[in-house]
Each structure stands twice: as structure tokens, then as C-alpha cells.
Amino acid sequence: MAELKYEIKETIGVLSENAKGWTKELNLISWNEREPKYDIREWNPDHSRMGKGITFTAEEIENLKKLLNGEDIEDDIDEEKIL
């Protein structure tokens, strides 16, 4: 399996911490020397191990922010098919 390279470019904030000291964080991370993306995942205290997470482009994080703030956003999703 290929080595996964990452560099935390900016720590934006900690969302929570569990009893073992792992923190769920929002960071800006460069994966495999690519353009940094926003990333939410759990990290051990020294950031040498991580849990599964999800990454967002700048556009996706802006849309997420709007959704969380209750703003309508334009999209190509037919919401009636989801419901």
C-alpha cells in the first residue's frame, strides 16, 4: 500500500474530544502534496494517527456553511427524489 502523505496547513478548530484524548477537528490539509482541502476527522494527540474523515473543497465548505446557517443554495439535486 502506498504511503499517505499529509500536511496540516491550518488548524481551524476542534469540534470535540473523546475520553482517550482524540480530537475531532476541522483543518485545512494538503493530501499527497495536492491543493489543500478542508477536512473533518479524528486525530490522536500528536497527529500521528487519524480516523476516517471527509474532505471538502472551498466551494463545498461554503455551501455547507450556508446550509448550516439556514440559507438557501442553488444546486442540481432534486430534493423530492431524496424525500
PDB file of N, CA and C in Angstrom:
ATOM      1  N   MET A   1       0.845  -1.177   0.000  1.00  0.00           N
ATOM      2  CA  MET A   1       0.000   0.000   0.000  1.00  0.00           C
ATOM      3  C   MET A   1       0.892   1.242   0.000  1.00  0.00           C
ATOM      4  N   ALA A   2       0.536   2.219  -0.823  1.00  0.00           N
ATOM      5  CA  ALA A   2       1.329   3.448  -0.934  1.00  0.00           C
ATOM      6  C   ALA A   2       1.230   4.276   0.342  1.00  0.00           C
ATOM      7  N   GLU A   3       2.317   4.980   0.629  1.00  0.00           N
ATOM      8  CA  GLU A   3       2.347   5.837   1.808  1.00  0.00           C
ATOM      9  C   GLU A   3       1.457   7.060   1.595  1.00  0.00           C
ATOM     10  N   LEU A   4       0.686   7.382   2.596  1.00  0.00           N
ATOM     11  CA  LEU A   4      -0.180   8.553   2.561  1.00  0.00           C
ATOM     12  C   LEU A   4       0.574   9.732   3.138  1.00  0.00           C
ATOM     13  N   LYS A   5       0.741  10.778   2.340  1.00  0.00           N
ATOM     14  CA  LYS A   5       1.426  11.978   2.807  1.00  0.00           C
ATOM     15  C   LYS A   5       0.380  13.048   3.089  1.00  0.00           C
ATOM     16  N   TYR A   6       0.572  13.749   4.191  1.00  0.00           N
ATOM     17  CA  TYR A   6      -0.345  14.842   4.523  1.00  0.00           C
ATOM     18  C   TYR A   6       0.412  15.919   5.274  1.00  0.00           C
ATOM     19  N   GLU A   7      -0.081  17.135   5.108  1.00  0.00           N
ATOM     20  CA  GLU A   7       0.467  18.261   5.852  1.00  0.00           C
ATOM     21  C   GLU A   7      -0.694  19.140   6.284  1.00  0.00           C
ATOM     22  N   ILE A   8      -0.828  19.329   7.588  1.00  0.00           N
ATOM     23  CA  ILE A   8      -1.870  20.213   8.104  1.00  0.00           C
ATOM     24  C   ILE A   8      -1.394  21.642   7.875  1.00  0.00           C
ATOM     25  N   LYS A   9      -2.067  22.329   6.959  1.00  0.00           N
ATOM     26  CA  LYS A   9      -1.688  23.697   6.609  1.00  0.00           C
ATOM     27  C   LYS A   9      -2.241  24.703   7.614  1.00  0.00           C
ATOM     28  N   GLU A  10      -3.448  24.408   8.124  1.00  0.00           N
ATOM     29  CA  GLU A  10      -4.087  25.316   9.083  1.00  0.00           C
ATOM     30  C   GLU A  10      -5.046  24.527   9.961  1.00  0.00           C
ATOM     31  N   THR A  11      -4.938  24.714  11.265  1.00  0.00           N
ATOM     32  CA  THR A  11      -5.902  24.139  12.194  1.00  0.00           C
ATOM     33  C   THR A  11      -6.985  25.182  12.421  1.00  0.00           C
ATOM     34  N   ILE A  12      -8.200  24.850  12.021  1.00  0.00           N
ATOM     35  CA  ILE A  12      -9.301  25.806  12.120  1.00  0.00           C
ATOM     36  C   ILE A  12     -10.001  25.692  13.469  1.00  0.00           C
ATOM     37  N   GLY A  13     -10.184  24.456  13.945  1.00  0.00           N
ATOM     38  CA  GLY A  13     -10.803  24.313  15.250  1.00  0.00           C
ATOM     39  C   GLY A  13     -11.062  22.878  15.641  1.00  0.00           C
ATOM     40  N   VAL A  14     -11.257  22.675  16.937  1.00  0.00           N
ATOM     41  CA  VAL A  14     -11.585  21.367  17.497  1.00  0.00           C
ATOM     42  C   VAL A  14     -13.082  21.321  17.741  1.00  0.00           C
ATOM     43  N   LEU A  15     -13.732  20.270  17.237  1.00  0.00           N
ATOM     44  CA  LEU A  15     -15.173  20.110  17.403  1.00  0.00           C
ATOM     45  C   LEU A  15     -15.517  19.352  18.683  1.00  0.00           C
ATOM     46  N   SER A  16     -14.675  18.375  19.046  1.00  0.00           N
ATOM     47  CA  SER A  16     -14.921  17.601  20.258  1.00  0.00           C
ATOM     48  C   SER A  16     -13.661  16.816  20.624  1.00  0.00           C
ATOM     49  N   GLU A  17     -13.670  16.272  21.839  1.00  0.00           N
ATOM     50  CA  GLU A  17     -12.570  15.422  22.303  1.00  0.00           C
ATOM     51  C   GLU A  17     -13.164  14.229  23.024  1.00  0.00           C
ATOM     52  N   ASN A  18     -12.625  13.028  22.745  1.00  0.00           N
ATOM     53  CA  ASN A  18     -13.153  11.846  23.427  1.00  0.00           C
ATOM     54  C   ASN A  18     -12.319  11.512  24.661  1.00  0.00           C
ATOM     55  N   ALA A  19     -12.712  10.473  25.396  1.00  0.00           N
ATOM     56  CA  ALA A  19     -12.065  10.115  26.654  1.00  0.00           C
ATOM     57  C   ALA A  19     -10.614   9.689  26.477  1.00  0.00           C
ATOM     58  N   LYS A  20     -10.236   9.238  25.286  1.00  0.00           N
ATOM     59  CA  LYS A  20      -8.857   8.805  25.037  1.00  0.00           C
ATOM     60  C   LYS A  20      -7.972   9.947  24.538  1.00  0.00           C
ATOM     61  N   GLY A  21      -8.519  11.146  24.456  1.00  0.00           N
ATOM     62  CA  GLY A  21      -7.731  12.299  24.047  1.00  0.00           C
ATOM     63  C   GLY A  21      -7.733  12.590  22.565  1.00  0.00           C
ATOM     64  N   TRP A  22      -8.428  11.757  21.764  1.00  0.00           N
ATOM     65  CA  TRP A  22      -8.531  12.021  20.333  1.00  0.00           C
ATOM     66  C   TRP A  22      -9.474  13.198  20.123  1.00  0.00           C
ATOM     67  N   THR A  23      -9.150  14.056  19.169  1.00  0.00           N
ATOM     68  CA  THR A  23      -9.982  15.226  18.889  1.00  0.00           C
ATOM     69  C   THR A  23     -10.529  15.163  17.476  1.00  0.00           C
ATOM     70  N   LYS A  24     -11.787  15.548  17.340  1.00  0.00           N
ATOM     71  CA  LYS A  24     -12.397  15.703  16.018  1.00  0.00           C
ATOM     72  C   LYS A  24     -12.151  17.146  15.620  1.00  0.00           C
ATOM     73  N   GLU A  25     -11.487  17.343  14.478  1.00  0.00           N
ATOM     74  CA  GLU A  25     -11.013  18.663  14.095  1.00  0.00           C
ATOM     75  C   GLU A  25     -11.425  19.044  12.679  1.00  0.00           C
ATOM     76  N   LEU A  26     -11.522  20.342  12.468  1.00  0.00           N
ATOM     77  CA  LEU A  26     -11.649  20.910  11.127  1.00  0.00           C
ATOM     78  C   LEU A  26     -10.307  21.546  10.813  1.00  0.00           C
ATOM     79  N   ASN A  27      -9.650  21.034   9.779  1.00  0.00           N
ATOM     80  CA  ASN A  27      -8.336  21.516   9.371  1.00  0.00           C
ATOM     81  C   ASN A  27      -8.304  21.746   7.866  1.00  0.00           C
ATOM     82  N   LEU A  28      -7.324  22.497   7.425  1.00  0.00           N
ATOM     83  CA  LEU A  28      -7.012  22.643   6.006  1.00  0.00           C
ATOM     84  C   LEU A  28      -5.772  21.781   5.776  1.00  0.00           C
ATOM     85  N   ILE A  29      -5.925  20.718   4.963  1.00  0.00           N
ATOM     86  CA  ILE A  29      -4.868  19.714   4.815  1.00  0.00           C
ATOM     87  C   ILE A  29      -4.515  19.510   3.348  1.00  0.00           C
ATOM     88  N   SER A  30      -3.226  19.400   3.080  1.00  0.00           N
ATOM     89  CA  SER A  30      -2.726  19.002   1.767  1.00  0.00           C
ATOM     90  C   SER A  30      -2.475  17.503   1.815  1.00  0.00           C
ATOM     91  N   TRP A  31      -3.198  16.756   0.977  1.00  0.00           N
ATOM     92  CA  TRP A  31      -3.036  15.301   0.903  1.00  0.00           C
ATOM     93  C   TRP A  31      -2.174  14.975  -0.307  1.00  0.00           C
ATOM     94  N   ASN A  32      -1.100  14.212  -0.088  1.00  0.00           N
ATOM     95  CA  ASN A  32      -0.200  13.792  -1.163  1.00  0.00           C
ATOM     96  C   ASN A  32       0.275  14.966  -2.012  1.00  0.00           C
ATOM     97  N   GLU A  33       0.627  16.043  -1.329  1.00  0.00           N
ATOM     98  CA  GLU A  33       1.191  17.248  -1.945  1.00  0.00           C
ATOM     99  C   GLU A  33       0.255  17.912  -2.963  1.00  0.00           C
ATOM    100  N   ARG A  34      -1.039  17.718  -2.781  1.00  0.00           N
ATOM    101  CA  ARG A  34      -2.038  18.349  -3.646  1.00  0.00           C
ATOM    102  C   ARG A  34      -2.558  19.625  -2.994  1.00  0.00           C
ATOM    103  N   GLU A  35      -3.423  20.317  -3.725  1.00  0.00           N
ATOM    104  CA  GLU A  35      -4.059  21.529  -3.219  1.00  0.00           C
ATOM    105  C   GLU A  35      -4.769  21.211  -1.902  1.00  0.00           C
ATOM    106  N   PRO A  36      -4.591  22.050  -0.888  1.00  0.00           N
ATOM    107  CA  PRO A  36      -5.236  21.784   0.409  1.00  0.00           C
ATOM    108  C   PRO A  36      -6.756  21.768   0.319  1.00  0.00           C
ATOM    109  N   LYS A  37      -7.367  20.909   1.130  1.00  0.00           N
ATOM    110  CA  LYS A  37      -8.823  20.818   1.231  1.00  0.00           C
ATOM    111  C   LYS A  37      -9.205  20.901   2.697  1.00  0.00           C
ATOM    112  N   TYR A  38     -10.430  21.324   2.943  1.00  0.00           N
ATOM    113  CA  TYR A  38     -10.969  21.323   4.295  1.00  0.00           C
ATOM    114  C   TYR A  38     -11.259  19.880   4.675  1.00  0.00           C
ATOM    115  N   ASP A  39     -11.006  19.542   5.913  1.00  0.00           N
ATOM    116  CA  ASP A  39     -11.036  18.149   6.332  1.00  0.00           C
ATOM    117  C   ASP A  39     -11.585  18.050   7.746  1.00  0.00           C
ATOM    118  N   ILE A  40     -12.524  17.128   7.949  1.00  0.00           N
ATOM    119  CA  ILE A  40     -13.049  16.828   9.286  1.00  0.00           C
ATOM    120  C   ILE A  40     -12.754  15.369   9.574  1.00  0.00           C
ATOM    121  N   ARG A  41     -11.999  15.113  10.670  1.00  0.00           N
ATOM    122  CA  ARG A  41     -11.694  13.746  11.096  1.00  0.00           C
ATOM    123  C   ARG A  41     -11.146  13.762  12.519  1.00  0.00           C
ATOM    124  N   GLU A  42     -11.032  12.569  13.105  1.00  0.00           N
ATOM    125  CA  GLU A  42     -10.452  12.447  14.443  1.00  0.00           C
ATOM    126  C   GLU A  42      -8.953  12.220  14.343  1.00  0.00           C
ATOM    127  N   TRP A  43      -8.228  12.822  15.289  1.00  0.00           N
ATOM    128  CA  TRP A  43      -6.766  12.718  15.368  1.00  0.00           C
ATOM    129  C   TRP A  43      -6.353  12.332  16.777  1.00  0.00           C
ATOM    130  N   ASN A  44      -5.258  11.541  16.864  1.00  0.00           N
ATOM    131  CA  ASN A  44      -4.697  11.286  18.185  1.00  0.00           C
ATOM    132  C   ASN A  44      -3.959  12.559  18.630  1.00  0.00           C
ATOM    133  N   PRO A  45      -3.546  12.620  19.901  1.00  0.00           N
ATOM    134  CA  PRO A  45      -2.980  13.870  20.418  1.00  0.00           C
ATOM    135  C   PRO A  45      -1.778  14.428  19.645  1.00  0.00           C
ATOM    136  N   ASP A  46      -0.912  13.570  19.079  1.00  0.00           N
ATOM    137  CA  ASP A  46       0.256  14.105  18.365  1.00  0.00           C
ATOM    138  C   ASP A  46       0.071  14.125  16.834  1.00  0.00           C
ATOM    139  N   HIS A  47      -1.136  13.865  16.377  1.00  0.00           N
ATOM    140  CA  HIS A  47      -1.484  13.880  14.947  1.00  0.00           C
ATOM    141  C   HIS A  47      -0.702  12.867  14.114  1.00  0.00           C
ATOM    142  N   SER A  48      -0.242  11.791  14.745  1.00  0.00           N
ATOM    143  CA  SER A  48       0.456  10.743  14.002  1.00  0.00           C
ATOM    144  C   SER A  48      -0.504   9.660  13.514  1.00  0.00           C
ATOM    145  N   ARG A  49      -1.721   9.614  14.084  1.00  0.00           N
ATOM    146  CA  ARG A  49      -2.745   8.656  13.671  1.00  0.00           C
ATOM    147  C   ARG A  49      -4.052   9.405  13.485  1.00  0.00           C
ATOM    148  N   MET A  50      -4.872   8.889  12.570  1.00  0.00           N
ATOM    149  CA  MET A  50      -6.133   9.545  12.265  1.00  0.00           C
ATOM    150  C   MET A  50      -7.229   8.522  12.039  1.00  0.00           C
ATOM    151  N   GLY A  51      -8.465   8.982  12.206  1.00  0.00           N
ATOM    152  CA  GLY A  51      -9.615   8.171  11.874  1.00  0.00           C
ATOM    153  C   GLY A  51     -10.103   8.508  10.477  1.00  0.00           C
ATOM    154  N   LYS A  52     -11.168   7.845  10.067  1.00  0.00           N
ATOM    155  CA  LYS A  52     -11.764   8.159   8.770  1.00  0.00           C
ATOM    156  C   LYS A  52     -12.361   9.555   8.836  1.00  0.00           C
ATOM    157  N   GLY A  53     -12.354  10.219   7.697  1.00  0.00           N
ATOM    158  CA  GLY A  53     -12.873  11.576   7.672  1.00  0.00           C
ATOM    159  C   GLY A  53     -13.492  11.914   6.340  1.00  0.00           C
ATOM    160  N   ILE A  54     -13.763  13.178   6.180  1.00  0.00           N
ATOM    161  CA  ILE A  54     -14.363  13.681   4.951  1.00  0.00           C
ATOM    162  C   ILE A  54     -13.669  14.985   4.586  1.00  0.00           C
ATOM    163  N   THR A  55     -13.448  15.168   3.280  1.00  0.00           N
ATOM    164  CA  THR A  55     -12.800  16.387   2.807  1.00  0.00           C
ATOM    165  C   THR A  55     -13.776  17.201   1.974  1.00  0.00           C
ATOM    166  N   PHE A  56     -13.546  18.511   1.960  1.00  0.00           N
ATOM    167  CA  PHE A  56     -14.388  19.445   1.230  1.00  0.00           C
ATOM    168  C   PHE A  56     -13.520  20.416   0.439  1.00  0.00           C
ATOM    169  N   THR A  57     -13.954  20.744  -0.763  1.00  0.00           N
ATOM    170  CA  THR A  57     -13.328  21.838  -1.493  1.00  0.00           C
ATOM    171  C   THR A  57     -13.785  23.146  -0.850  1.00  0.00           C
ATOM    172  N   ALA A  58     -13.175  24.251  -1.252  1.00  0.00           N
ATOM    173  CA  ALA A  58     -13.588  25.556  -0.721  1.00  0.00           C
ATOM    174  C   ALA A  58     -15.053  25.834  -1.060  1.00  0.00           C
ATOM    175  N   GLU A  59     -15.477  25.476  -2.262  1.00  0.00           N
ATOM    176  CA  GLU A  59     -16.874  25.684  -2.662  1.00  0.00           C
ATOM    177  C   GLU A  59     -17.820  24.832  -1.812  1.00  0.00           C
ATOM    178  N   GLU A  60     -17.447  23.580  -1.562  1.00  0.00           N
ATOM    179  CA  GLU A  60     -18.287  22.704  -0.749  1.00  0.00           C
ATOM    180  C   GLU A  60     -18.390  23.194   0.684  1.00  0.00           C
ATOM    181  N   ILE A  61     -17.299  23.688   1.251  1.00  0.00           N
ATOM    182  CA  ILE A  61     -17.345  24.168   2.636  1.00  0.00           C
ATOM    183  C   ILE A  61     -18.192  25.435   2.725  1.00  0.00           C
ATOM    184  N   GLU A  62     -18.157  26.260   1.679  1.00  0.00           N
ATOM    185  CA  GLU A  62     -19.002  27.459   1.654  1.00  0.00           C
ATOM    186  C   GLU A  62     -20.477  27.062   1.578  1.00  0.00           C
ATOM    187  N   ASN A  63     -20.792  26.058   0.763  1.00  0.00           N
ATOM    188  CA  ASN A  63     -22.173  25.572   0.685  1.00  0.00           C
ATOM    189  C   ASN A  63     -22.617  24.952   2.008  1.00  0.00           C
ATOM    190  N   LEU A  64     -21.728  24.209   2.656  1.00  0.00           N
ATOM    191  CA  LEU A  64     -22.048  23.636   3.973  1.00  0.00           C
ATOM    192  C   LEU A  64     -22.328  24.739   4.976  1.00  0.00           C
ATOM    193  N   LYS A  65     -21.511  25.765   4.957  1.00  0.00           N
ATOM    194  CA  LYS A  65     -21.704  26.901   5.867  1.00  0.00           C
ATOM    195  C   LYS A  65     -23.072  27.545   5.639  1.00  0.00           C
ATOM    196  N   LYS A  66     -23.443  27.729   4.384  1.00  0.00           N
ATOM    197  CA  LYS A  66     -24.750  28.313   4.069  1.00  0.00           C
ATOM    198  C   LYS A  66     -25.879  27.413   4.551  1.00  0.00           C
ATOM    199  N   LEU A  67     -25.739  26.110   4.340  1.00  0.00           N
ATOM    200  CA  LEU A  67     -26.769  25.174   4.796  1.00  0.00           C
ATOM    201  C   LEU A  67     -26.926  25.220   6.310  1.00  0.00           C
ATOM    202  N   LEU A  68     -25.817  25.257   7.022  1.00  0.00           N
ATOM    203  CA  LEU A  68     -25.867  25.290   8.480  1.00  0.00           C
ATOM    204  C   LEU A  68     -26.437  26.603   9.000  1.00  0.00           C
ATOM    205  N   ASN A  69     -26.269  27.665   8.228  1.00  0.00           N
ATOM    206  CA  ASN A  69     -26.830  28.965   8.604  1.00  0.00           C
ATOM    207  C   ASN A  69     -28.272  29.127   8.140  1.00  0.00           C
ATOM    208  N   GLY A  70     -28.833  28.086   7.515  1.00  0.00           N
ATOM    209  CA  GLY A  70     -30.227  28.116   7.100  1.00  0.00           C
ATOM    210  C   GLY A  70     -30.485  28.871   5.817  1.00  0.00           C
ATOM    211  N   GLU A  71     -29.444  29.141   5.044  1.00  0.00           N
ATOM    212  CA  GLU A  71     -29.610  29.849   3.787  1.00  0.00           C
ATOM    213  C   GLU A  71     -29.932  28.857   2.672  1.00  0.00           C
ATOM    214  N   ASP A  72     -30.727  29.308   1.714  1.00  0.00           N
ATOM    215  CA  ASP A  72     -30.986  28.500   0.530  1.00  0.00           C
ATOM    216  C   ASP A  72     -29.788  28.598  -0.400  1.00  0.00           C
ATOM    217  N   ILE A  73     -29.429  27.474  -1.009  1.00  0.00           N
ATOM    218  CA  ILE A  73     -28.383  27.499  -2.013  1.00  0.00           C
ATOM    219  C   ILE A  73     -28.908  26.827  -3.274  1.00  0.00           C
ATOM    220  N   GLU A  74     -28.409  27.246  -4.399  1.00  0.00           N
ATOM    221  CA  GLU A  74     -28.800  26.636  -5.656  1.00  0.00           C
ATOM    222  C   GLU A  74     -28.002  25.365  -5.838  1.00  0.00           C
ATOM    223  N   ASP A  75     -28.685  24.318  -6.297  1.00  0.00           N
ATOM    224  CA  ASP A  75     -27.990  23.059  -6.562  1.00  0.00           C
ATOM    225  C   ASP A  75     -28.694  22.332  -7.683  1.00  0.00           C
ATOM    226  N   ASP A  76     -28.111  21.223  -8.080  1.00  0.00           N
ATOM    227  CA  ASP A  76     -28.671  20.409  -9.149  1.00  0.00           C
ATOM    228  C   ASP A  76     -29.397  19.180  -8.601  1.00  0.00           C
ATOM    229  N   ILE A  77     -29.642  19.152  -7.280  1.00  0.00           N
ATOM    230  CA  ILE A  77     -30.260  17.990  -6.659  1.00  0.00           C
ATOM    231  C   ILE A  77     -31.780  18.164  -6.626  1.00  0.00           C
ATOM    232  N   ASP A  78     -32.495  17.148  -7.060  1.00  0.00           N
ATOM    233  CA  ASP A  78     -33.959  17.137  -6.977  1.00  0.00           C
ATOM    234  C   ASP A  78     -34.324  16.618  -5.590  1.00  0.00           C
ATOM    235  N   GLU A  79     -34.654  17.535  -4.676  1.00  0.00           N
ATOM    236  CA  GLU A  79     -34.905  17.168  -3.286  1.00  0.00           C
ATOM    237  C   GLU A  79     -36.104  16.242  -3.133  1.00  0.00           C
ATOM    238  N   GLU A  80     -37.079  16.299  -4.049  1.00  0.00           N
ATOM    239  CA  GLU A  80     -38.238  15.431  -3.959  1.00  0.00           C
ATOM    240  C   GLU A  80     -37.852  13.962  -4.159  1.00  0.00           C
ATOM    241  N   LYS A  81     -36.790  13.702  -4.931  1.00  0.00           N
ATOM    242  CA  LYS A  81     -36.327  12.329  -5.125  1.00  0.00           C
ATOM    243  C   LYS A  81     -35.668  11.798  -3.868  1.00  0.00           C
ATOM    244  N   ILE A  82     -35.084  12.690  -3.057  1.00  0.00           N
ATOM    245  CA  ILE A  82     -34.430  12.275  -1.825  1.00  0.00           C
ATOM    246  C   ILE A  82     -35.465  11.969  -0.759  1.00  0.00           C
ATOM    247  N   LEU A  83     -36.477  12.809  -0.649  1.00  0.00           N
ATOM    248  CA  LEU A  83     -37.511  12.644   0.360  1.00  0.00           C
ATOM    249  C   LEU A  83     -38.411  11.533  -0.050  1.00  0.00           C
TER     250      LEU A  83
END
